[in-house]
């Protein structure tokens, strides 16, 4: 991510963008379904 935004955003802008992106991902029903389906140690390792 740092290489994508290098020199274009301040640290505060970068953190704001990432926070917004994570918020949108958390609210996405499709991603919630995937996370619940893979909510085991075996799925992570």
Protein backbone atom coordinates (compact mmCIF):
# COMPACT_ATOMS: atom_id res chain seq x y z
CA UNK A 1 0.00 0.00 0.00
CA UNK A 2 2.81 2.40 0.79
CA UNK A 3 4.20 2.07 -2.74
CA UNK A 4 0.79 2.70 -4.30
CA UNK A 5 0.32 5.96 -2.40
CA UNK A 6 3.94 7.04 -1.97
CA UNK A 7 4.26 10.80 -2.08
CA UNK A 8 0.57 11.36 -2.86
CA UNK A 9 -1.03 11.28 0.59
CA UNK A 10 -0.10 12.50 4.02
CA UNK A 11 0.02 9.91 6.81
CA UNK A 12 -3.32 11.22 8.11
CA UNK A 13 -4.93 10.95 4.66
CA UNK A 14 -3.55 7.43 4.21
CA UNK A 15 -4.86 6.33 7.61
CA UNK A 16 -8.24 7.89 6.84
CA UNK A 17 -8.44 6.07 3.51
CA UNK A 18 -7.53 2.72 5.07
CA UNK A 19 -10.01 3.24 7.92
CA UNK A 20 -12.76 3.98 5.39
CA UNK A 21 -11.80 0.96 3.29
CA UNK A 22 -11.85 -1.38 6.30
CA UNK A 23 -15.23 0.04 7.34
CA UNK A 24 -16.67 -0.68 3.89
CA UNK A 25 -15.25 -4.20 3.96
CA UNK A 26 -16.74 -4.88 7.41
CA UNK A 27 -20.17 -3.75 6.18
CA UNK A 28 -20.08 -5.90 3.01
CA UNK A 29 -22.50 -8.86 3.39
CA UNK A 30 -20.51 -10.99 0.95
CA UNK A 31 -17.29 -10.51 2.92
CA UNK A 32 -19.14 -11.18 6.19
CA UNK A 33 -20.39 -14.47 4.76
CA UNK A 34 -16.88 -15.44 3.65
CA UNK A 35 -15.44 -14.54 7.05
CA UNK A 36 -18.04 -16.63 8.86
CA UNK A 37 -17.44 -19.58 6.54
CA UNK A 38 -13.70 -19.40 7.21
CA UNK A 39 -13.89 -18.71 10.95
CA UNK A 40 -11.74 -21.66 12.02
CA UNK A 41 -8.08 -22.13 12.84
CA UNK A 42 -7.79 -24.65 9.99
CA UNK A 43 -9.08 -22.08 7.48
CA UNK A 44 -6.48 -19.53 8.60
CA UNK A 45 -3.43 -21.81 8.79
